[in-house]
Every structure is written in structure tokens, then in C-alpha cells.
Amino acid sequence: MKTPATRLLDSKRMDYKPLLYPVDDGLIDGLSVASKLKIPPNLLYKTLVLEAKSKRNYVILVPSDKELDLKQAAKFLKEKSLGLLPLSKLKGLTGYDKGGCSPLAMKKSLPTFIYKEAKDQKSIYVSGGKIGLSLEISPELLEKFLDLTYLDL
């Protein structure tokens, strides 16, 4: 299954492992996907695209077993307030659909943040750019492709 994210990694000959999971049951939330892939939920990162009151956009990668505290994130980013990007803007900004939004190869390069515990992992799992596809990848490799900052929330 080729997506902009997998094409980018393939073009740079980067090491990653694509993992497919069934979607016919409609369960595509992080905890369900982690269960289907038989991986710990803290290693599967959901890609949240946010919009600040200032109209700046950010990407935050959050372990699927956690909820992002938008107030804390806004404070960290020195923004008045943050919210999820409206779905009507998601595809135009990222090139991806809800549930299949990869942090890699987005249409527009956005400042990207990831929970600091990812740094201690040999590999983590992120969306491959399509519902039903996750990528096992090292955090160090993500740093090569993203304007990535580790955050402590």
C-alpha cells in the first residue's frame, strides 16, 4: 500500500515496517488499532493537527493511551488557545483524511511535536497515511524528516 509517507521513506531508502490492520469493523481509534496490531498503546502515536487562535497550525504526536491537554499545549506553544483543526481543512492542509493522517509527507510542512517518552523507544508506530496502515519507525528517523520537538506535557 503506497502513500505519500511510504513513498518518501522508500525514496530515501529509510528503514521502516508497514503494518496493515483490518478496518471493516469501523474501529480505527488508537486503542483499537493498538489492540489489532498487538502492540502496547503507549507506542502507537496518533497524529493530531491543531489550529491556534493565531491561525498557526501545529502537529502533535500523542501516545494513543493519552489525551492531549489543549490548555497545557497552548501554554507550551505560547498560544492563547488551541483546538483540533476543523475536518473541512484537514485534507487541504495535510493531504490526508481523518484516521489516516501521517506526520510524514504532509502537503504543508508544519511544526511537529512529540511526547518526550518517544525518545526512549527503539521504535514507535505512526499512521502510514491511510486508514488501515501503520508504520513502525524509530523516533530518530522521524527527526530526519520532521521539524520535530520533544515536549513534556
Protein backbone atom coordinates (compact mmCIF):
# COMPACT_ATOMS: atom_id res chain seq x y z
CA MET A 1 0.00 0.00 0.00
CA LYS A 2 1.74 3.17 -1.20
CA THR A 3 1.06 6.58 0.33
CA PRO A 4 3.00 9.86 0.28
CA ALA A 5 4.55 8.81 3.63
CA THR A 6 5.76 5.41 2.39
CA ARG A 7 6.96 6.89 -0.91
CA LEU A 8 9.05 9.45 1.00
CA LEU A 9 10.64 6.79 3.18
CA ASP A 10 11.23 4.48 0.21
CA SER A 11 12.80 7.27 -1.87
CA LYS A 12 15.34 7.90 0.92
CA ARG A 13 15.85 4.16 1.48
CA MET A 14 14.84 4.53 5.11
CA ASP A 15 14.16 1.60 7.40
CA TYR A 16 10.54 1.21 8.46
CA LYS A 17 7.99 -1.57 8.68
CA PRO A 18 4.47 -1.19 7.26
CA LEU A 19 1.74 -2.89 9.28
CA LEU A 20 -1.77 -3.43 7.94
CA TYR A 21 -4.80 -3.79 10.19
CA PRO A 22 -8.45 -4.57 9.40
CA VAL A 23 -10.90 -1.67 9.28
CA ASP A 24 -14.13 -3.42 8.31
CA ASP A 25 -15.39 -3.20 11.92
CA GLY A 26 -15.07 0.62 11.83
CA LEU A 27 -12.83 0.67 14.91
CA ILE A 28 -9.93 2.94 13.96
CA ASP A 29 -9.26 4.79 17.23
CA GLY A 30 -5.78 4.47 18.70
CA LEU A 31 -6.59 1.91 21.38
CA SER A 32 -8.45 -0.31 18.90
CA VAL A 33 -5.61 -0.11 16.37
CA ALA A 34 -3.01 -0.92 19.05
CA SER A 35 -5.09 -3.96 20.03
CA LYS A 36 -5.40 -5.09 16.40
CA LEU A 37 -1.64 -4.72 15.88
CA LYS A 38 -0.93 -6.41 19.24
CA ILE A 39 1.32 -3.57 20.37
CA PRO A 40 1.33 -1.56 23.61
CA PRO A 41 -0.95 1.51 23.20
CA ASN A 42 1.78 3.82 24.51
CA LEU A 43 3.88 3.01 21.41
CA LEU A 44 1.15 3.88 18.89
CA TYR A 45 1.09 7.63 18.30
CA LYS A 46 -1.95 9.46 16.97
CA THR A 47 -1.33 12.47 14.75
CA LEU A 48 -3.29 15.50 15.95
CA VAL A 49 -3.37 18.56 13.70
CA LEU A 50 -4.16 21.68 15.68
CA GLU A 51 -5.14 25.23 14.90
CA ALA A 52 -4.30 28.08 17.26
CA LYS A 53 -6.33 31.21 17.77
CA SER A 54 -3.47 32.94 15.88
CA LYS A 55 -4.39 30.68 12.90
CA ARG A 56 -0.98 28.94 13.10
CA ASN A 57 -1.10 25.17 12.74
CA TYR A 58 0.80 22.52 14.66
CA VAL A 59 1.09 18.74 14.69
CA ILE A 60 1.36 16.89 17.99
CA LEU A 61 2.03 13.15 18.14
CA VAL A 62 0.31 11.73 21.21
CA PRO A 63 0.50 8.17 22.56
CA SER A 64 -2.83 6.50 21.89
CA ASP A 65 -3.34 5.80 25.59
CA LYS A 66 -3.19 9.52 26.46
CA GLU A 67 -5.35 12.58 25.86
CA LEU A 68 -3.75 15.87 24.85
CA ASP A 69 -4.35 18.67 27.35
CA LEU A 70 -5.06 21.53 24.93
CA LYS A 71 -4.54 24.21 27.60
CA GLN A 72 -1.12 22.86 28.53
CA ALA A 73 -0.17 22.50 24.87
CA ALA A 74 -1.26 26.09 24.16
CA LYS A 75 0.86 27.29 27.08
CA PHE A 76 3.87 25.31 25.82
CA LEU A 77 3.42 26.76 22.31
CA LYS A 78 2.85 30.27 23.67
CA GLU A 79 -0.59 30.42 22.05
CA LYS A 80 -3.77 31.84 23.57
CA SER A 81 -5.75 28.74 22.70
CA LEU A 82 -5.59 25.59 20.59
CA GLY A 83 -8.18 23.30 19.08
CA LEU A 84 -8.30 20.45 16.62
CA LEU A 85 -8.14 21.63 13.03
CA PRO A 86 -11.65 21.53 11.55
CA LEU A 87 -12.08 18.38 9.43
CA SER A 88 -13.03 20.54 6.45
CA LYS A 89 -9.43 21.89 6.42
CA LEU A 90 -7.56 18.65 7.16
CA LYS A 91 -7.19 17.18 3.66
CA GLY A 92 -6.24 20.53 2.11
CA LEU A 93 -3.53 21.20 4.69
CA THR A 94 -2.12 17.70 5.11
CA GLY A 95 -3.21 15.69 2.08
CA TYR A 96 -4.61 13.06 4.44
CA ASP A 97 -8.03 12.05 5.75
CA LYS A 98 -9.13 11.75 9.38
CA GLY A 99 -7.96 8.44 10.80
CA GLY A 100 -5.16 8.14 8.24
CA CYS A 101 -3.17 11.31 8.86
CA SER A 102 0.56 10.60 8.83
CA PRO A 103 3.04 13.10 10.24
CA LEU A 104 5.25 12.31 7.22
CA ALA A 105 4.96 13.92 3.78
CA MET A 106 2.17 16.34 4.63
CA LYS A 107 1.23 18.82 1.89
CA LYS A 108 2.36 21.67 4.13
CA SER A 109 5.32 21.29 6.46
CA LEU A 110 4.16 22.10 9.99
CA PRO A 111 5.98 22.40 13.31
CA THR A 112 5.68 18.94 14.82
CA PHE A 113 5.89 17.92 18.47
CA ILE A 114 6.00 14.51 20.09
CA TYR A 115 5.72 13.40 23.70
CA LYS A 116 9.23 13.10 25.16
CA GLU A 117 8.82 9.43 26.15
CA ALA A 118 9.07 8.53 22.45
CA LYS A 119 12.77 9.41 22.58
CA ASP A 120 13.41 6.43 24.89
CA GLN A 121 11.85 3.92 22.49
CA LYS A 122 13.68 1.88 19.86
CA SER A 123 10.64 2.23 17.62
CA ILE A 124 7.15 3.69 17.69
CA TYR A 125 4.13 3.39 15.41
CA VAL A 126 2.54 6.22 13.43
CA SER A 127 -0.08 6.40 10.73
CA GLY A 128 1.13 5.38 7.30
CA GLY A 129 -1.15 7.89 5.58
CA LYS A 130 -4.18 5.68 5.03
CA ILE A 131 -6.71 4.11 7.36
CA GLY A 132 -5.56 0.52 7.84
CA LEU A 133 -1.82 1.27 7.60
CA SER A 134 0.60 1.99 10.44
CA LEU A 135 4.36 2.36 10.21
CA GLU A 136 6.87 1.06 12.71
CA ILE A 137 9.68 3.61 12.70
CA SER A 138 12.42 4.87 15.01
CA PRO A 139 11.97 8.30 16.62
CA GLU A 140 15.43 9.25 15.30
CA LEU A 141 14.26 8.59 11.76
CA LEU A 142 11.20 10.79 12.28
CA GLU A 143 13.56 13.58 13.37
CA LYS A 144 15.27 13.40 9.97
CA PHE A 145 12.04 14.21 8.14
CA LEU A 146 10.17 16.47 10.53
CA ASP A 147 10.74 19.76 12.28
CA LEU A 148 10.37 17.65 15.44
CA THR A 149 10.46 18.91 19.03
CA TYR A 150 10.06 16.71 22.09
CA LEU A 151 7.60 18.04 24.62
CA ASP A 152 6.94 17.38 28.26
CA LEU A 153 3.22 17.67 28.97
